[in-house]
Protein backbone atom coordinates (compact mmCIF):
# COMPACT_ATOMS: atom_id res chain seq x y z
CA MET A 1 57.29 112.19 30.00
CA ILE A 2 57.83 111.40 26.55
CA TYR A 3 58.79 114.21 23.84
CA THR A 4 58.72 112.41 20.27
CA LEU A 5 61.43 114.39 18.12
CA ASN A 6 60.96 112.46 15.00
CA PRO A 7 59.28 108.73 14.38
CA LYS A 8 62.58 107.90 15.27
CA ILE A 9 63.40 109.44 18.25
CA ASP A 10 62.07 110.26 21.96
CA ILE A 11 63.33 112.63 24.28
CA ILE A 12 62.36 110.66 27.67
CA THR A 13 62.28 112.07 31.46
CA THR A 14 61.86 110.28 34.30
CA PHE A 15 61.20 111.45 37.98
CA SER A 16 60.57 109.49 40.87
CA ALA A 17 59.51 110.01 44.85
CA SER A 18 58.85 107.35 47.47
CA PHE A 19 57.35 106.95 50.98
CA SER A 20 58.81 104.23 53.12
CA ARG A 21 58.27 102.68 56.23
CA LYS A 22 60.73 100.80 58.65
CA GLU A 23 59.00 98.72 60.93
CA PHE A 24 60.99 97.69 64.09
CA THR A 25 61.11 96.87 67.94
CA ASP A 26 62.99 99.08 70.51
CA ILE A 27 65.31 97.64 72.38
CA LYS A 28 64.99 99.25 75.54
CA THR A 29 61.12 99.90 75.37
CA TYR A 30 60.70 96.54 73.85
CA GLU A 31 57.83 98.49 71.89
CA PHE A 32 56.97 98.03 68.39
CA GLU A 33 57.51 101.81 66.42
CA HIS A 34 58.00 102.47 62.88
CA LYS A 35 59.75 105.71 61.03
CA ASP A 36 58.49 107.09 58.20
CA THR A 37 60.07 108.86 54.98
CA LYS A 38 58.97 110.73 52.08
CA GLN A 39 61.48 112.24 49.67
CA PHE A 40 62.19 112.66 46.03
CA ASP A 41 64.12 110.30 44.71
CA SER A 42 65.22 111.05 41.49
CA LEU A 43 65.53 112.62 37.92
CA TRP A 44 66.64 110.89 34.80
CA ILE A 45 66.95 111.94 31.23
CA GLY A 46 67.62 109.92 27.94
CA PHE A 47 66.52 109.27 24.21
CA ASN A 48 64.85 106.24 22.76
CA TYR A 49 65.87 105.28 19.22
CA ASN A 50 63.01 103.41 17.23
CA ALA A 51 64.28 101.43 14.38
CA GLN A 52 62.38 99.94 11.73
CA THR A 53 60.40 96.99 11.79
CA ILE A 54 61.68 93.20 12.37
CA GLY A 55 59.18 91.32 10.69
CA GLU A 56 56.83 91.64 13.48
CA LEU A 57 59.08 92.77 16.27
CA LYS A 58 60.25 96.55 16.49
CA PRO A 59 63.76 97.46 18.55
CA GLN A 60 64.43 100.30 20.66
CA LEU A 61 67.48 101.55 22.18
CA SER A 62 67.11 103.50 24.96
CA ILE A 63 70.07 105.67 26.39
CA GLN A 64 69.40 107.50 30.18
CA SER A 65 71.23 109.13 32.65
CA ALA A 66 71.13 110.19 36.56
CA ILE A 67 70.60 114.15 36.62
CA LEU A 68 70.14 113.45 40.05
CA GLN A 69 69.71 110.49 43.14
CA LYS A 70 69.16 110.93 46.83
CA GLU A 71 70.48 108.33 48.92
CA VAL A 72 70.70 107.49 52.10
CA SER A 73 73.62 105.38 53.63
CA ILE A 74 73.95 104.62 57.54
CA GLU A 75 71.78 107.87 58.31
CA GLU A 76 74.00 110.43 55.91
CA ASN A 77 71.37 111.48 53.40
CA LYS A 78 73.42 112.86 50.68
CA THR A 79 72.54 113.93 46.27
CA PHE A 80 74.40 112.62 43.65
CA HIS A 81 74.46 114.07 39.97
CA PHE A 82 75.02 111.99 36.96
CA LYS A 83 76.37 108.75 39.02
CA SER A 84 74.25 106.13 37.11
CA HIS A 85 73.68 105.67 33.53
CA THR A 86 71.65 102.81 31.78
CA ILE A 87 71.74 101.51 28.21
CA GLN A 88 68.68 99.11 27.16
CA GLY A 89 67.72 97.44 23.93
CA SER A 90 64.54 96.08 23.84
CA LEU A 91 62.00 94.04 21.31
CA LYS A 92 58.53 95.12 21.05
CA GLY A 93 55.68 92.90 19.65
CA TYR A 94 51.77 93.45 19.07
CA SER A 95 49.44 90.43 18.96
CA ASP A 96 45.38 91.08 18.80
CA PRO A 97 44.81 91.60 22.29
CA ALA A 98 48.25 91.54 23.47
CA ILE A 99 51.44 93.68 23.54
CA TYR A 100 54.74 92.18 24.82
CA SER A 101 58.36 93.03 24.92
CA PHE A 102 61.76 91.44 26.02
CA TYR A 103 64.73 93.30 26.72
CA LEU A 104 68.00 93.18 27.89
CA GLY A 105 69.64 96.48 29.71
CA TYR A 106 72.98 97.27 31.78
CA VAL A 107 73.15 99.75 34.68
CA TYR A 108 76.70 101.49 35.17
CA ASN A 109 77.22 102.73 38.67
CA LEU A 110 80.21 105.14 39.49
CA ASP A 111 81.52 105.88 43.10
CA ARG A 112 79.43 107.33 45.62
CA LYS A 113 81.72 109.19 48.08
CA PHE A 114 79.79 109.72 51.55
CA ASP A 115 81.26 111.66 54.21
CA PHE A 116 82.34 108.17 56.27
CA ALA A 117 83.82 106.32 53.37
CA LYS A 118 83.51 105.93 49.45
CA ILE A 119 80.46 103.33 48.45
CA THR A 120 81.11 101.42 44.99
CA TYR A 121 77.63 99.74 43.82
CA GLY A 122 77.96 97.11 41.74
CA ASP A 123 77.16 97.02 38.21
CA VAL A 124 73.54 95.38 36.86
CA ILE A 125 72.80 93.52 34.07
CA ARG A 126 68.99 93.23 33.76
CA PHE A 127 66.95 91.41 31.28
CA GLY A 128 63.19 90.09 31.27
CA GLY A 129 59.97 90.43 29.39
CA ASP A 130 56.61 92.18 29.96
CA LEU A 131 53.37 91.42 28.81
CA SER A 132 50.17 93.78 28.45
CA ILE A 133 46.34 92.50 27.62
CA VAL A 134 44.32 94.56 26.03
CA LEU A 135 40.59 94.19 27.92
CA SER A 136 39.28 97.52 26.25
CA PRO A 137 40.02 100.39 24.91
CA LYS A 138 41.38 101.66 28.34
CA ILE A 139 42.25 99.04 30.03
CA THR A 140 44.91 96.58 30.14
CA LEU A 141 46.11 94.17 32.52
CA ASP A 142 50.34 94.43 32.76
CA LEU A 143 52.49 91.47 33.75
CA GLY A 144 56.44 90.97 34.04
CA LEU A 145 59.58 89.19 34.81
CA GLU A 146 62.83 90.39 35.84
CA GLN A 147 66.12 88.99 36.49
CA ARG A 148 69.11 91.34 37.47
CA PHE A 149 72.31 90.15 38.32
CA GLN A 150 73.89 93.14 40.12
CA LYS A 151 78.24 93.01 40.80
CA PRO A 152 79.52 93.08 44.43
CA GLN A 153 79.67 96.18 46.30
CA LYS A 154 82.71 97.72 48.33
CA ILE A 155 83.24 99.83 51.05
CA LYS A 156 86.37 102.06 51.19
CA GLY A 157 88.02 99.09 48.72
CA LYS A 158 86.93 96.34 50.44
CA LYS A 159 84.14 93.41 48.92
CA THR A 160 81.18 93.82 51.40
CA SER A 161 78.67 91.43 49.24
CA ASN A 162 79.30 89.03 46.29
CA LEU A 163 76.86 88.54 43.42
CA ARG A 164 73.70 89.58 43.66
CA SER A 165 70.20 87.30 41.58
CA ILE A 166 67.85 89.74 42.09
CA PRO A 167 64.46 88.45 40.52
CA SER A 168 61.19 90.00 40.38
CA TYR A 169 57.61 89.40 39.04
CA LYS A 170 55.08 92.29 38.21
CA VAL A 171 51.36 92.90 38.20
CA GLY A 172 49.47 95.65 37.62
CA SER A 173 47.14 97.94 35.43
CA THR A 174 47.69 100.46 32.80
CA TYR A 175 44.13 103.22 32.39
CA SER A 176 44.16 105.34 29.34
CA LEU A 177 43.35 108.96 30.05
CA HIS A 178 42.95 109.87 26.71
CA ASN A 179 45.59 109.78 23.54
CA ASP A 180 48.84 111.09 25.37
CA MET A 181 48.27 110.53 28.92
CA ALA A 182 47.73 107.24 30.91
CA ILE A 183 48.09 105.85 34.55
CA SER A 184 49.82 102.90 35.79
CA ILE A 185 49.41 101.38 39.21
CA SER A 186 51.70 97.89 39.39
CA SER A 187 53.35 95.42 42.10
CA ASP A 188 56.52 94.24 42.45
CA ILE A 189 57.30 90.98 44.17
CA GLY A 190 60.81 90.02 45.37
CA GLY A 191 61.77 85.93 44.32
CA SER A 192 65.19 85.95 46.22
CA SER A 193 66.24 87.54 49.55
CA SER A 194 68.05 90.34 48.01
CA ALA A 195 65.01 91.77 46.44
CA PRO A 196 62.16 94.10 47.50
CA ASP A 197 59.96 91.84 49.59
CA SER A 198 57.45 93.94 47.56
CA ILE A 199 56.87 97.59 45.86
CA PHE A 200 53.78 99.56 45.20
CA SER A 201 53.99 102.15 42.66
CA VAL A 202 52.41 104.30 40.77
CA SER A 203 53.14 105.85 37.01
CA LEU A 204 51.67 108.50 35.34
CA TRP A 205 52.68 108.91 31.72
CA LYS A 206 52.62 111.86 29.68
CA LYS A 207 53.82 112.12 26.08
CA PHE A 208 54.00 115.72 23.86
């Protein structure tokens, strides 16, 4: 959700929920089984600062903090507060019939203390670009490329992973319900073994 305080500053709130399925073969029965998980994942709050246009590009700075995050590690489900923070700068441009942007961001992760151990998630550097092609006054085709690099993870102070390269590719579409609300459907495809194979998401955007 986006609340506009003035032409330069927007308050943004982001929340997410997920449905995931684990598919596996039981080593005792050799039968194919699955386990479904549904949960509210996270709640973020922050702001956008819209700077003056430079030529045909509009700079924007976004800062957000995670008020709430639900995470699972070794079957332990725990809720954390203010453990992740992001900052991202972007340049947006408009060239009929396309809207495009380039961005560079950083995700800062604080330690997570589970009952069995303290886990240090690696910070993340991310950059990429998005392209929306206007197909009609209400519908756009959305494309995106992103590259992330995540620093090594540590458990009990011992490194358990190396630097991860996480590329992903996105395709989707946005439908404008009216001037202040839109719904987006997208699919993200991972480009390395460190990235999820695929993520399907539905987003509802509301501006106040």
